[in-house]
Amino acid sequence: MDSAEQPQVLSVEGMALPPMAIRLPRGMHAIEVSLDETERTAAVEQLVRDIYPRGEVPLWQAMSALYSASALEMLSAGVSFFGIGLYDIEDGGGVAHCSLTVAVFESGEVEQDTVAQGIFALLSDPLRDVTWLDLPCGPAVSAISFRKLVIDGQYTKSGKDEELSMGQMQVHIPFSTGPYTAVITLDTASVEQWEEFTHAMAGIVTSLEFPMDDSERVTR
């Protein structure tokens, strides 16, 4: 998907945010959920066709309705962007998948270090691997966690309850241009490909930029 190779400027509906640009890796199919309803519907339809290129109209319609509802729910929760990553597993092992969301929240503080230190203290927990990051755009905090879900036997091939391992990488990045924090979250059940997803996430967060808007260029 060519658009995933270009930086995307994201925004959140109803909030006057400074610009934020992010570059997505190959294999990541994404939409901006803060588009107006017509544009968001068209973006979801294209997303579904990208994810299921060999699908048929009934599948595309069903999945478009599902993702449209999910996008609206995400928007109300402060999510400005979500994507789905699909990657071939070597030696014909199938497809590894992940979900990616970007949310932006008001932090009430413009000093990046202060915000990052507060996040680091808040997230520190024995159940998470919390790390301080120095990114090109400024300080950030990453949190990695794993959990197991029990899938009811009526939904498994064996007919028995089965455990599903889930991994999550989350990076909190304070804006350098205003009192906001971006939260980038990658979730995957393809934990066998964890290293590959770690590299993908590293590429995403290191690409993040906070360009100056026109008013900042005038005053600086």
N, C-alpha and C. Protein backbone atom coordinates (compact mmCIF):
# COMPACT_ATOMS: atom_id res chain seq x y z
N MET A 1 0.85 -1.18 0.00
CA MET A 1 0.00 0.00 0.00
C MET A 1 0.89 1.23 0.00
N ASP A 2 0.90 1.99 -1.08
CA ASP A 2 1.86 3.08 -1.23
C ASP A 2 1.72 4.14 -0.15
N SER A 3 0.49 4.43 0.28
CA SER A 3 0.30 5.50 1.25
C SER A 3 0.97 5.19 2.57
N ALA A 4 1.18 3.90 2.88
CA ALA A 4 1.82 3.53 4.13
C ALA A 4 3.30 3.82 4.10
N GLU A 5 3.83 4.20 2.93
CA GLU A 5 5.24 4.53 2.84
C GLU A 5 5.49 6.02 3.09
N GLN A 6 4.42 6.80 3.19
CA GLN A 6 4.56 8.25 3.34
C GLN A 6 4.18 8.67 4.76
N PRO A 7 4.83 9.73 5.27
CA PRO A 7 4.43 10.25 6.59
C PRO A 7 2.98 10.69 6.55
N GLN A 8 2.24 10.44 7.61
CA GLN A 8 0.85 10.86 7.68
C GLN A 8 0.69 11.86 8.82
N VAL A 9 0.08 13.00 8.53
CA VAL A 9 -0.20 13.98 9.57
C VAL A 9 -1.55 13.62 10.18
N LEU A 10 -1.55 13.36 11.48
CA LEU A 10 -2.74 12.89 12.18
C LEU A 10 -3.35 14.00 13.03
N SER A 11 -4.65 13.92 13.24
CA SER A 11 -5.33 14.88 14.11
C SER A 11 -6.46 14.19 14.84
N VAL A 12 -6.94 14.81 15.91
CA VAL A 12 -8.06 14.27 16.67
C VAL A 12 -9.22 15.24 16.57
N GLU A 13 -10.38 14.71 16.22
CA GLU A 13 -11.56 15.55 16.04
C GLU A 13 -11.90 16.29 17.32
N GLY A 14 -12.16 17.60 17.20
CA GLY A 14 -12.59 18.38 18.35
C GLY A 14 -11.46 18.93 19.19
N MET A 15 -10.22 18.69 18.80
CA MET A 15 -9.08 19.20 19.55
C MET A 15 -8.14 19.93 18.59
N ALA A 16 -7.65 21.09 19.02
CA ALA A 16 -6.71 21.85 18.19
C ALA A 16 -5.30 21.40 18.51
N LEU A 17 -4.85 20.38 17.80
CA LEU A 17 -3.54 19.77 18.08
C LEU A 17 -2.46 20.33 17.18
N PRO A 18 -1.23 20.42 17.69
CA PRO A 18 -0.11 20.69 16.79
C PRO A 18 0.04 19.50 15.85
N PRO A 19 0.66 19.70 14.67
CA PRO A 19 0.82 18.59 13.72
C PRO A 19 1.68 17.46 14.29
N MET A 20 1.38 16.25 13.83
CA MET A 20 2.17 15.07 14.18
C MET A 20 2.29 14.22 12.94
N ALA A 21 3.48 13.83 12.56
CA ALA A 21 3.70 13.01 11.36
C ALA A 21 4.35 11.70 11.76
N ILE A 22 3.93 10.64 11.10
CA ILE A 22 4.44 9.32 11.43
C ILE A 22 4.59 8.50 10.15
N ARG A 23 5.63 7.70 10.07
CA ARG A 23 5.87 6.86 8.89
C ARG A 23 5.60 5.40 9.26
N LEU A 24 4.80 4.74 8.43
CA LEU A 24 4.42 3.36 8.69
C LEU A 24 5.25 2.40 7.85
N PRO A 25 5.54 1.21 8.38
CA PRO A 25 6.32 0.23 7.62
C PRO A 25 5.46 -0.49 6.58
N ARG A 26 6.12 -1.15 5.66
CA ARG A 26 5.42 -1.99 4.69
C ARG A 26 4.60 -3.04 5.44
N GLY A 27 3.43 -3.37 4.88
CA GLY A 27 2.58 -4.39 5.50
C GLY A 27 1.57 -3.83 6.47
N MET A 28 1.71 -2.54 6.82
CA MET A 28 0.76 -1.92 7.74
C MET A 28 -0.29 -1.16 6.96
N HIS A 29 -1.55 -1.55 7.12
CA HIS A 29 -2.67 -0.92 6.42
C HIS A 29 -3.42 -0.08 7.45
N ALA A 30 -3.63 1.19 7.14
CA ALA A 30 -4.10 2.08 8.19
C ALA A 30 -5.09 3.11 7.70
N ILE A 31 -5.87 3.63 8.65
CA ILE A 31 -6.77 4.73 8.36
C ILE A 31 -6.71 5.73 9.51
N GLU A 32 -7.10 6.97 9.20
CA GLU A 32 -7.24 8.00 10.22
C GLU A 32 -8.72 8.06 10.60
N VAL A 33 -9.02 7.78 11.86
CA VAL A 33 -10.41 7.66 12.26
C VAL A 33 -11.08 9.01 12.49
N SER A 34 -10.29 10.10 12.55
CA SER A 34 -10.87 11.42 12.77
C SER A 34 -11.31 12.10 11.48
N LEU A 35 -11.30 11.37 10.37
CA LEU A 35 -11.86 11.89 9.13
C LEU A 35 -13.36 12.10 9.30
N ASP A 36 -13.99 12.91 8.43
CA ASP A 36 -15.45 13.02 8.53
C ASP A 36 -16.07 11.69 8.11
N GLU A 37 -17.35 11.55 8.37
CA GLU A 37 -18.00 10.24 8.20
C GLU A 37 -17.86 9.68 6.79
N THR A 38 -18.05 10.53 5.78
CA THR A 38 -17.96 10.07 4.40
C THR A 38 -16.55 9.59 4.07
N GLU A 39 -15.55 10.39 4.45
CA GLU A 39 -14.16 10.02 4.17
C GLU A 39 -13.76 8.78 4.96
N ARG A 40 -14.23 8.69 6.21
CA ARG A 40 -13.88 7.53 7.04
C ARG A 40 -14.49 6.25 6.47
N THR A 41 -15.72 6.34 5.99
CA THR A 41 -16.36 5.17 5.38
C THR A 41 -15.57 4.69 4.17
N ALA A 42 -15.15 5.64 3.32
CA ALA A 42 -14.37 5.28 2.14
C ALA A 42 -13.03 4.69 2.54
N ALA A 43 -12.40 5.25 3.58
CA ALA A 43 -11.10 4.74 4.04
C ALA A 43 -11.23 3.33 4.59
N VAL A 44 -12.32 3.07 5.33
CA VAL A 44 -12.54 1.73 5.87
C VAL A 44 -12.76 0.73 4.74
N GLU A 45 -13.53 1.11 3.74
CA GLU A 45 -13.77 0.21 2.61
C GLU A 45 -12.46 -0.15 1.91
N GLN A 46 -11.59 0.84 1.74
CA GLN A 46 -10.30 0.58 1.10
C GLN A 46 -9.42 -0.29 2.01
N LEU A 47 -9.46 -0.04 3.32
CA LEU A 47 -8.70 -0.84 4.27
C LEU A 47 -9.09 -2.31 4.17
N VAL A 48 -10.39 -2.57 4.13
CA VAL A 48 -10.88 -3.95 4.06
C VAL A 48 -10.42 -4.64 2.77
N ARG A 49 -10.44 -3.92 1.66
CA ARG A 49 -9.98 -4.50 0.40
C ARG A 49 -8.47 -4.77 0.43
N ASP A 50 -7.73 -3.92 1.14
CA ASP A 50 -6.29 -4.14 1.25
C ASP A 50 -5.99 -5.38 2.11
N ILE A 51 -6.79 -5.55 3.17
CA ILE A 51 -6.57 -6.67 4.08
C ILE A 51 -7.02 -7.99 3.47
N TYR A 52 -8.13 -7.93 2.72
CA TYR A 52 -8.70 -9.14 2.10
C TYR A 52 -8.73 -8.96 0.59
N PRO A 53 -7.57 -8.93 -0.07
CA PRO A 53 -7.54 -8.66 -1.52
C PRO A 53 -8.24 -9.74 -2.35
N ARG A 54 -8.36 -10.94 -1.80
CA ARG A 54 -9.02 -12.03 -2.54
C ARG A 54 -10.45 -12.26 -2.07
N GLY A 55 -10.94 -11.35 -1.24
CA GLY A 55 -12.30 -11.49 -0.73
C GLY A 55 -13.34 -11.13 -1.78
N GLU A 56 -14.60 -11.31 -1.40
CA GLU A 56 -15.70 -10.97 -2.28
C GLU A 56 -16.58 -9.92 -1.61
N VAL A 57 -17.50 -9.37 -2.36
CA VAL A 57 -18.31 -8.25 -1.89
C VAL A 57 -19.00 -8.53 -0.54
N PRO A 58 -19.63 -9.70 -0.34
CA PRO A 58 -20.28 -9.93 0.96
C PRO A 58 -19.30 -9.83 2.14
N LEU A 59 -18.09 -10.36 1.97
CA LEU A 59 -17.09 -10.27 3.03
C LEU A 59 -16.67 -8.83 3.24
N TRP A 60 -16.41 -8.11 2.15
CA TRP A 60 -15.98 -6.71 2.26
C TRP A 60 -17.05 -5.88 2.96
N GLN A 61 -18.33 -6.11 2.62
CA GLN A 61 -19.40 -5.34 3.24
C GLN A 61 -19.50 -5.63 4.73
N ALA A 62 -19.41 -6.91 5.10
CA ALA A 62 -19.51 -7.29 6.50
C ALA A 62 -18.36 -6.71 7.32
N MET A 63 -17.13 -6.83 6.79
CA MET A 63 -15.97 -6.34 7.53
C MET A 63 -15.94 -4.81 7.55
N SER A 64 -16.43 -4.16 6.50
CA SER A 64 -16.49 -2.70 6.48
C SER A 64 -17.42 -2.20 7.58
N ALA A 65 -18.55 -2.88 7.75
CA ALA A 65 -19.49 -2.48 8.81
C ALA A 65 -18.86 -2.67 10.18
N LEU A 66 -18.12 -3.76 10.35
CA LEU A 66 -17.46 -4.04 11.63
C LEU A 66 -16.40 -3.00 11.93
N TYR A 67 -15.53 -2.72 10.95
CA TYR A 67 -14.45 -1.77 11.18
C TYR A 67 -14.96 -0.33 11.30
N SER A 68 -16.04 -0.01 10.61
CA SER A 68 -16.62 1.33 10.74
C SER A 68 -17.13 1.56 12.15
N ALA A 69 -17.79 0.55 12.72
CA ALA A 69 -18.27 0.65 14.09
C ALA A 69 -17.10 0.75 15.07
N SER A 70 -16.05 -0.04 14.80
CA SER A 70 -14.87 0.00 15.67
C SER A 70 -14.18 1.36 15.60
N ALA A 71 -14.09 1.92 14.39
CA ALA A 71 -13.44 3.22 14.22
C ALA A 71 -14.19 4.31 14.97
N LEU A 72 -15.52 4.28 14.92
CA LEU A 72 -16.31 5.28 15.62
C LEU A 72 -16.12 5.16 17.13
N GLU A 73 -16.07 3.92 17.61
CA GLU A 73 -15.86 3.70 19.04
C GLU A 73 -14.46 4.17 19.46
N MET A 74 -13.46 3.88 18.62
CA MET A 74 -12.10 4.33 18.90
C MET A 74 -12.01 5.85 18.95
N LEU A 75 -12.70 6.52 18.02
CA LEU A 75 -12.67 7.97 17.97
C LEU A 75 -13.20 8.56 19.27
N SER A 76 -14.28 8.00 19.79
CA SER A 76 -14.86 8.50 21.03
C SER A 76 -13.93 8.28 22.22
N ALA A 77 -12.98 7.32 22.07
CA ALA A 77 -12.03 7.03 23.14
C ALA A 77 -10.72 7.80 22.97
N GLY A 78 -10.66 8.69 21.98
CA GLY A 78 -9.46 9.50 21.79
C GLY A 78 -8.48 8.95 20.79
N VAL A 79 -8.80 7.83 20.14
CA VAL A 79 -7.90 7.24 19.13
C VAL A 79 -8.05 8.01 17.83
N SER A 80 -6.92 8.43 17.26
CA SER A 80 -6.98 9.18 16.01
C SER A 80 -6.64 8.32 14.80
N PHE A 81 -6.07 7.14 15.04
CA PHE A 81 -5.54 6.35 13.93
C PHE A 81 -5.49 4.89 14.34
N PHE A 82 -5.86 4.00 13.44
CA PHE A 82 -5.60 2.59 13.72
C PHE A 82 -5.20 1.87 12.44
N GLY A 83 -4.41 0.84 12.62
CA GLY A 83 -3.92 0.08 11.48
C GLY A 83 -3.88 -1.40 11.80
N ILE A 84 -3.80 -2.18 10.75
CA ILE A 84 -3.66 -3.64 10.88
C ILE A 84 -2.45 -4.05 10.06
N GLY A 85 -1.54 -4.75 10.70
CA GLY A 85 -0.34 -5.21 10.02
C GLY A 85 -0.45 -6.68 9.65
N LEU A 86 -0.12 -7.01 8.42
CA LEU A 86 -0.14 -8.39 7.93
C LEU A 86 1.21 -8.70 7.31
N TYR A 87 1.85 -9.76 7.78
CA TYR A 87 3.20 -10.10 7.31
C TYR A 87 3.31 -11.60 7.09
N ASP A 88 3.86 -11.97 5.93
CA ASP A 88 4.06 -13.38 5.62
C ASP A 88 5.11 -13.97 6.54
N ILE A 89 4.81 -15.17 7.05
CA ILE A 89 5.78 -15.91 7.85
C ILE A 89 6.62 -16.75 6.90
N GLU A 90 7.93 -16.72 7.10
CA GLU A 90 8.84 -17.44 6.21
C GLU A 90 8.52 -18.93 6.17
N ASP A 91 8.90 -19.56 5.06
CA ASP A 91 8.71 -21.00 4.84
C ASP A 91 7.24 -21.39 4.81
N GLY A 92 6.40 -20.50 4.29
CA GLY A 92 5.00 -20.84 4.12
C GLY A 92 4.26 -21.07 5.41
N GLY A 93 4.66 -20.37 6.47
CA GLY A 93 4.06 -20.59 7.78
C GLY A 93 2.80 -19.81 8.05
N GLY A 94 2.25 -19.15 7.03
CA GLY A 94 1.02 -18.39 7.24
C GLY A 94 1.28 -16.91 7.32
N VAL A 95 0.42 -16.22 8.03
CA VAL A 95 0.48 -14.77 8.12
C VAL A 95 0.49 -14.33 9.59
N ALA A 96 1.45 -13.50 9.94
CA ALA A 96 1.50 -12.90 11.27
C ALA A 96 0.74 -11.58 11.21
N HIS A 97 0.02 -11.26 12.26
CA HIS A 97 -0.81 -10.06 12.23
C HIS A 97 -0.68 -9.29 13.54
N CYS A 98 -0.98 -8.00 13.44
CA CYS A 98 -0.98 -7.15 14.63
C CYS A 98 -1.96 -6.02 14.41
N SER A 99 -2.34 -5.36 15.49
CA SER A 99 -3.14 -4.14 15.38
C SER A 99 -2.33 -3.00 15.94
N LEU A 100 -2.53 -1.80 15.39
CA LEU A 100 -1.80 -0.62 15.81
C LEU A 100 -2.78 0.52 16.02
N THR A 101 -2.68 1.21 17.14
CA THR A 101 -3.49 2.39 17.36
C THR A 101 -2.60 3.54 17.81
N VAL A 102 -3.02 4.75 17.48
CA VAL A 102 -2.37 5.96 17.96
C VAL A 102 -3.44 6.84 18.58
N ALA A 103 -3.29 7.13 19.86
CA ALA A 103 -4.20 8.00 20.57
C ALA A 103 -3.43 9.22 21.06
N VAL A 104 -4.11 10.35 21.18
CA VAL A 104 -3.47 11.57 21.67
C VAL A 104 -4.31 12.12 22.82
N PHE A 105 -3.64 12.41 23.94
CA PHE A 105 -4.32 12.91 25.13
C PHE A 105 -3.67 14.19 25.61
N GLU A 106 -4.47 15.03 26.24
CA GLU A 106 -3.93 16.23 26.85
C GLU A 106 -3.16 15.85 28.11
N SER A 107 -1.96 16.41 28.26
CA SER A 107 -1.13 16.09 29.42
C SER A 107 -1.11 17.22 30.45
N GLY A 108 -1.49 18.43 30.02
CA GLY A 108 -1.50 19.56 30.93
C GLY A 108 -0.13 20.09 31.28
N GLU A 109 0.88 19.63 30.56
CA GLU A 109 2.27 20.01 30.84
C GLU A 109 3.03 20.07 29.52
N VAL A 110 3.83 21.13 29.33
CA VAL A 110 4.55 21.28 28.07
C VAL A 110 5.99 20.78 28.13
N GLU A 111 6.52 20.55 29.32
CA GLU A 111 7.90 20.09 29.45
C GLU A 111 7.96 18.58 29.22
N GLN A 112 8.62 18.17 28.14
CA GLN A 112 8.63 16.75 27.75
C GLN A 112 9.20 15.86 28.85
N ASP A 113 10.34 16.25 29.42
CA ASP A 113 10.97 15.41 30.44
C ASP A 113 10.05 15.21 31.64
N THR A 114 9.37 16.25 32.05
CA THR A 114 8.47 16.16 33.21
C THR A 114 7.34 15.18 32.93
N VAL A 115 6.75 15.29 31.75
CA VAL A 115 5.66 14.38 31.38
C VAL A 115 6.16 12.94 31.31
N ALA A 116 7.32 12.73 30.66
CA ALA A 116 7.86 11.37 30.51
C ALA A 116 8.20 10.76 31.87
N GLN A 117 8.76 11.55 32.76
CA GLN A 117 9.09 11.04 34.09
C GLN A 117 7.83 10.63 34.86
N GLY A 118 6.77 11.43 34.72
CA GLY A 118 5.52 11.09 35.37
C GLY A 118 4.93 9.80 34.82
N ILE A 119 4.99 9.63 33.49
CA ILE A 119 4.48 8.41 32.86
C ILE A 119 5.30 7.20 33.31
N PHE A 120 6.62 7.37 33.35
CA PHE A 120 7.50 6.27 33.77
C PHE A 120 7.13 5.80 35.17
N ALA A 121 6.93 6.75 36.09
CA ALA A 121 6.57 6.40 37.46
C ALA A 121 5.20 5.73 37.53
N LEU A 122 4.25 6.24 36.72
CA LEU A 122 2.89 5.70 36.74
C LEU A 122 2.82 4.28 36.19
N LEU A 123 3.61 4.00 35.15
CA LEU A 123 3.54 2.69 34.49
C LEU A 123 4.39 1.62 35.17
N SER A 124 5.35 2.04 35.97
CA SER A 124 6.26 1.06 36.59
C SER A 124 5.48 0.05 37.41
N ASP A 125 5.64 -1.22 37.03
CA ASP A 125 4.85 -2.29 37.64
C ASP A 125 5.57 -3.61 37.36
N PRO A 126 5.59 -4.56 38.31
CA PRO A 126 6.25 -5.85 38.08
C PRO A 126 5.70 -6.63 36.88
N LEU A 127 4.45 -6.32 36.48
CA LEU A 127 3.83 -7.06 35.37
C LEU A 127 4.17 -6.47 34.01
N ARG A 128 4.89 -5.33 34.00
CA ARG A 128 5.27 -4.69 32.75
C ARG A 128 6.76 -4.44 32.71
N ASP A 129 7.31 -4.50 31.50
CA ASP A 129 8.70 -4.12 31.28
C ASP A 129 8.69 -2.68 30.81
N VAL A 130 9.02 -1.75 31.71
CA VAL A 130 8.94 -0.32 31.42
C VAL A 130 10.34 0.23 31.18
N THR A 131 10.51 0.94 30.06
CA THR A 131 11.83 1.42 29.66
C THR A 131 11.76 2.88 29.23
N TRP A 132 12.76 3.65 29.64
CA TRP A 132 12.90 5.04 29.18
C TRP A 132 13.54 5.04 27.80
N LEU A 133 13.00 5.83 26.87
CA LEU A 133 13.54 5.91 25.52
C LEU A 133 13.93 7.34 25.20
N ASP A 134 15.03 7.49 24.48
CA ASP A 134 15.42 8.79 23.94
C ASP A 134 15.25 8.72 22.42
N LEU A 135 14.12 9.23 21.95
CA LEU A 135 13.79 9.20 20.52
C LEU A 135 14.25 10.49 19.84
N PRO A 136 14.35 10.49 18.51
CA PRO A 136 14.71 11.72 17.80
C PRO A 136 13.79 12.89 18.12
N CYS A 137 12.49 12.60 18.43
CA CYS A 137 11.53 13.66 18.73
C CYS A 137 11.50 14.03 20.20
N GLY A 138 12.30 13.31 21.04
CA GLY A 138 12.32 13.63 22.46
C GLY A 138 12.19 12.39 23.33
N PRO A 139 12.06 12.57 24.66
CA PRO A 139 11.96 11.43 25.58
C PRO A 139 10.62 10.72 25.43
N ALA A 140 10.63 9.43 25.74
CA ALA A 140 9.42 8.62 25.67
C ALA A 140 9.54 7.46 26.65
N VAL A 141 8.44 6.77 26.85
CA VAL A 141 8.42 5.64 27.78
C VAL A 141 7.73 4.48 27.09
N SER A 142 8.36 3.30 27.09
CA SER A 142 7.74 2.12 26.52
C SER A 142 7.33 1.15 27.63
N ALA A 143 6.26 0.43 27.39
CA ALA A 143 5.78 -0.58 28.33
C ALA A 143 5.40 -1.83 27.54
N ILE A 144 5.98 -2.95 27.91
CA ILE A 144 5.73 -4.22 27.23
C ILE A 144 5.08 -5.18 28.22
N SER A 145 4.03 -5.86 27.79
CA SER A 145 3.35 -6.81 28.66
C SER A 145 2.81 -7.98 27.84
N PHE A 146 2.61 -9.09 28.52
CA PHE A 146 2.03 -10.29 27.90
C PHE A 146 0.89 -10.78 28.79
N ARG A 147 -0.10 -11.37 28.15
CA ARG A 147 -1.20 -11.95 28.91
C ARG A 147 -1.74 -13.16 28.15
N LYS A 148 -2.48 -14.00 28.86
CA LYS A 148 -3.08 -15.17 28.23
C LYS A 148 -4.60 -15.08 28.32
N LEU A 149 -5.23 -15.37 27.20
CA LEU A 149 -6.69 -15.41 27.14
C LEU A 149 -7.15 -16.84 26.95
N VAL A 150 -8.28 -17.19 27.51
CA VAL A 150 -8.84 -18.52 27.33
C VAL A 150 -9.94 -18.44 26.28
N ILE A 151 -9.76 -19.19 25.19
CA ILE A 151 -10.74 -19.24 24.11
C ILE A 151 -11.69 -20.39 24.33
N ASP A 152 -12.97 -20.10 24.36
CA ASP A 152 -13.99 -21.12 24.59
C ASP A 152 -13.89 -22.20 23.52
N GLY A 153 -14.07 -23.45 23.92
CA GLY A 153 -13.94 -24.59 23.03
C GLY A 153 -14.85 -24.56 21.82
N GLN A 154 -15.97 -23.86 21.91
CA GLN A 154 -16.89 -23.83 20.76
C GLN A 154 -16.32 -23.01 19.61
N TYR A 155 -15.21 -22.28 19.88
CA TYR A 155 -14.59 -21.48 18.83
C TYR A 155 -13.21 -22.02 18.42
N THR A 156 -12.83 -23.19 18.90
CA THR A 156 -11.52 -23.76 18.56
C THR A 156 -11.70 -25.02 17.72
N LYS A 157 -10.65 -25.35 16.94
CA LYS A 157 -10.71 -26.54 16.10
C LYS A 157 -10.78 -27.82 16.91
N SER A 158 -10.13 -27.83 18.08
CA SER A 158 -10.10 -29.04 18.91
C SER A 158 -11.40 -29.25 19.67
N GLY A 159 -12.21 -28.20 19.78
CA GLY A 159 -13.44 -28.31 20.55
C GLY A 159 -13.21 -28.16 22.05
N LYS A 160 -11.97 -27.89 22.43
CA LYS A 160 -11.63 -27.72 23.84
C LYS A 160 -11.17 -26.28 24.08
N ASP A 161 -11.29 -25.86 25.34
CA ASP A 161 -10.79 -24.53 25.68
C ASP A 161 -9.28 -24.47 25.42
N GLU A 162 -8.83 -23.37 24.83
CA GLU A 162 -7.41 -23.21 24.54
C GLU A 162 -6.93 -21.84 24.98
N GLU A 163 -5.65 -21.78 25.36
CA GLU A 163 -5.05 -20.51 25.76
C GLU A 163 -4.45 -19.80 24.56
N LEU A 164 -4.63 -18.49 24.53
CA LEU A 164 -4.06 -17.67 23.47
C LEU A 164 -3.17 -16.62 24.12
N SER A 165 -1.90 -16.61 23.73
CA SER A 165 -0.96 -15.64 24.28
C SER A 165 -1.04 -14.34 23.48
N MET A 166 -1.08 -13.22 24.19
CA MET A 166 -1.15 -11.90 23.57
C MET A 166 0.01 -11.06 24.07
N GLY A 167 0.62 -10.31 23.16
CA GLY A 167 1.69 -9.40 23.55
C GLY A 167 1.32 -7.97 23.19
N GLN A 168 1.75 -7.03 24.02
CA GLN A 168 1.45 -5.63 23.75
C GLN A 168 2.69 -4.77 23.96
N MET A 169 2.97 -3.90 22.99
CA MET A 169 3.99 -2.87 23.11
C MET A 169 3.27 -1.53 23.08
N GLN A 170 3.60 -0.69 24.04
CA GLN A 170 2.96 0.63 24.11
C GLN A 170 4.03 1.67 24.38
N VAL A 171 4.04 2.73 23.58
CA VAL A 171 5.03 3.80 23.74
C VAL A 171 4.29 5.12 23.94
N HIS A 172 4.62 5.81 25.03
CA HIS A 172 4.05 7.10 25.36
C HIS A 172 5.06 8.17 24.99
N ILE A 173 4.66 9.11 24.12
CA ILE A 173 5.59 10.11 23.59
C ILE A 173 5.01 11.51 23.80
N PRO A 174 5.55 12.29 24.74
CA PRO A 174 5.08 13.66 24.93
C PRO A 174 5.39 14.52 23.71
N PHE A 175 4.45 15.38 23.33
CA PHE A 175 4.68 16.32 22.24
C PHE A 175 5.76 17.32 22.64
N SER A 176 6.54 17.73 21.67
CA SER A 176 7.51 18.81 21.91
C SER A 176 6.90 20.17 21.61
N THR A 177 5.67 20.18 21.07
CA THR A 177 5.06 21.42 20.59
C THR A 177 3.77 21.78 21.32
N GLY A 178 3.46 21.10 22.42
CA GLY A 178 2.24 21.41 23.14
C GLY A 178 1.98 20.42 24.25
N PRO A 179 0.99 20.68 25.11
CA PRO A 179 0.71 19.83 26.27
C PRO A 179 -0.10 18.58 25.92
N TYR A 180 0.44 17.74 25.05
CA TYR A 180 -0.23 16.52 24.61
C TYR A 180 0.75 15.35 24.64
N THR A 181 0.21 14.16 24.72
CA THR A 181 1.03 12.94 24.67
C THR A 181 0.42 11.96 23.68
N ALA A 182 1.25 11.44 22.78
CA ALA A 182 0.82 10.40 21.85
C ALA A 182 1.07 9.03 22.48
N VAL A 183 0.11 8.15 22.37
CA VAL A 183 0.25 6.79 22.87
C VAL A 183 0.09 5.83 21.70
N ILE A 184 1.18 5.18 21.34
CA ILE A 184 1.19 4.24 20.21
C ILE A 184 1.19 2.82 20.77
N THR A 185 0.21 2.03 20.36
CA THR A 185 0.04 0.69 20.93
C THR A 185 0.00 -0.35 19.82
N LEU A 186 0.79 -1.38 19.97
CA LEU A 186 0.78 -2.51 19.04
C LEU A 186 0.41 -3.76 19.83
N ASP A 187 -0.64 -4.45 19.39
CA ASP A 187 -1.09 -5.70 20.01
C ASP A 187 -0.98 -6.83 18.99
N THR A 188 -0.55 -8.00 19.46
CA THR A 188 -0.47 -9.14 18.55
C THR A 188 -0.64 -10.45 19.29
N ALA A 189 -1.26 -11.41 18.59
CA ALA A 189 -1.32 -12.77 19.09
C ALA A 189 -0.24 -13.62 18.43
N SER A 190 0.49 -13.03 17.49
CA SER A 190 1.57 -13.73 16.79
C SER A 190 2.87 -13.52 17.56
N VAL A 191 2.90 -14.03 18.80
CA VAL A 191 4.05 -13.76 19.66
C VAL A 191 5.32 -14.45 19.16
N GLU A 192 5.18 -15.46 18.31
CA GLU A 192 6.37 -16.10 17.74
C GLU A 192 7.15 -15.13 16.87
N GLN A 193 6.48 -14.13 16.34
CA GLN A 193 7.13 -13.11 15.51
C GLN A 193 7.37 -11.82 16.30
N TRP A 194 7.52 -11.94 17.59
CA TRP A 194 7.66 -10.77 18.46
C TRP A 194 8.85 -9.90 18.05
N GLU A 195 9.96 -10.53 17.69
CA GLU A 195 11.14 -9.75 17.33
C GLU A 195 10.88 -8.90 16.10
N GLU A 196 10.19 -9.45 15.11
CA GLU A 196 9.89 -8.69 13.91
C GLU A 196 8.98 -7.50 14.23
N PHE A 197 7.99 -7.72 15.10
CA PHE A 197 7.10 -6.63 15.46
C PHE A 197 7.83 -5.57 16.30
N THR A 198 8.80 -6.01 17.09
CA THR A 198 9.59 -5.06 17.85
C THR A 198 10.34 -4.12 16.91
N HIS A 199 10.92 -4.68 15.85
CA HIS A 199 11.63 -3.85 14.87
C HIS A 199 10.66 -2.90 14.16
N ALA A 200 9.47 -3.40 13.83
CA ALA A 200 8.47 -2.55 13.17
C ALA A 200 8.06 -1.39 14.08
N MET A 201 7.83 -1.69 15.36
CA MET A 201 7.44 -0.66 16.30
C MET A 201 8.56 0.36 16.49
N ALA A 202 9.80 -0.12 16.54
CA ALA A 202 10.94 0.79 16.68
C ALA A 202 10.99 1.76 15.49
N GLY A 203 10.74 1.24 14.29
CA GLY A 203 10.74 2.09 13.11
C GLY A 203 9.63 3.13 13.16
N ILE A 204 8.48 2.74 13.68
CA ILE A 204 7.34 3.66 13.77
C ILE A 204 7.64 4.80 14.74
N VAL A 205 8.07 4.46 15.96
CA VAL A 205 8.24 5.51 16.98
C VAL A 205 9.44 6.41 16.68
N THR A 206 10.48 5.86 16.06
CA THR A 206 11.62 6.72 15.73
C THR A 206 11.33 7.64 14.55
N SER A 207 10.29 7.31 13.79
CA SER A 207 9.91 8.17 12.65
C SER A 207 9.01 9.33 13.07
N LEU A 208 8.49 9.28 14.29
CA LEU A 208 7.53 10.29 14.72
C LEU A 208 8.16 11.68 14.76
N GLU A 209 7.45 12.65 14.19
CA GLU A 209 7.92 14.03 14.17
C GLU A 209 6.79 14.96 14.63
N PHE A 210 7.19 16.09 15.18
CA PHE A 210 6.24 17.13 15.56
C PHE A 210 6.59 18.40 14.78
N PRO A 211 6.16 18.49 13.52
CA PRO A 211 6.48 19.67 12.71
C PRO A 211 5.85 20.92 13.30
N MET A 212 6.51 22.05 13.09
CA MET A 212 5.94 23.32 13.53
C MET A 212 4.81 23.72 12.59
N ASP A 213 3.72 24.26 13.15
CA ASP A 213 2.66 24.78 12.28
C ASP A 213 2.99 26.21 11.88
N ASP A 214 2.16 26.82 11.06
CA ASP A 214 2.47 28.15 10.51
C ASP A 214 2.63 29.20 11.60
N SER A 215 1.80 29.14 12.65
CA SER A 215 1.88 30.15 13.70
C SER A 215 3.19 30.07 14.45
N GLU A 216 3.71 28.84 14.63
CA GLU A 216 4.98 28.68 15.32
C GLU A 216 6.14 29.21 14.46
N ARG A 217 6.04 28.99 13.14
CA ARG A 217 7.10 29.47 12.26
C ARG A 217 7.18 31.01 12.28
N VAL A 218 6.03 31.66 12.42
CA VAL A 218 6.00 33.12 12.43
C VAL A 218 6.62 33.67 13.71
N THR A 219 6.34 32.98 14.85
CA THR A 219 6.78 33.52 16.13
C THR A 219 8.18 33.11 16.50
N ARG A 220 8.76 32.15 15.76
CA ARG A 220 10.11 31.69 16.13
C ARG A 220 11.16 32.32 15.22
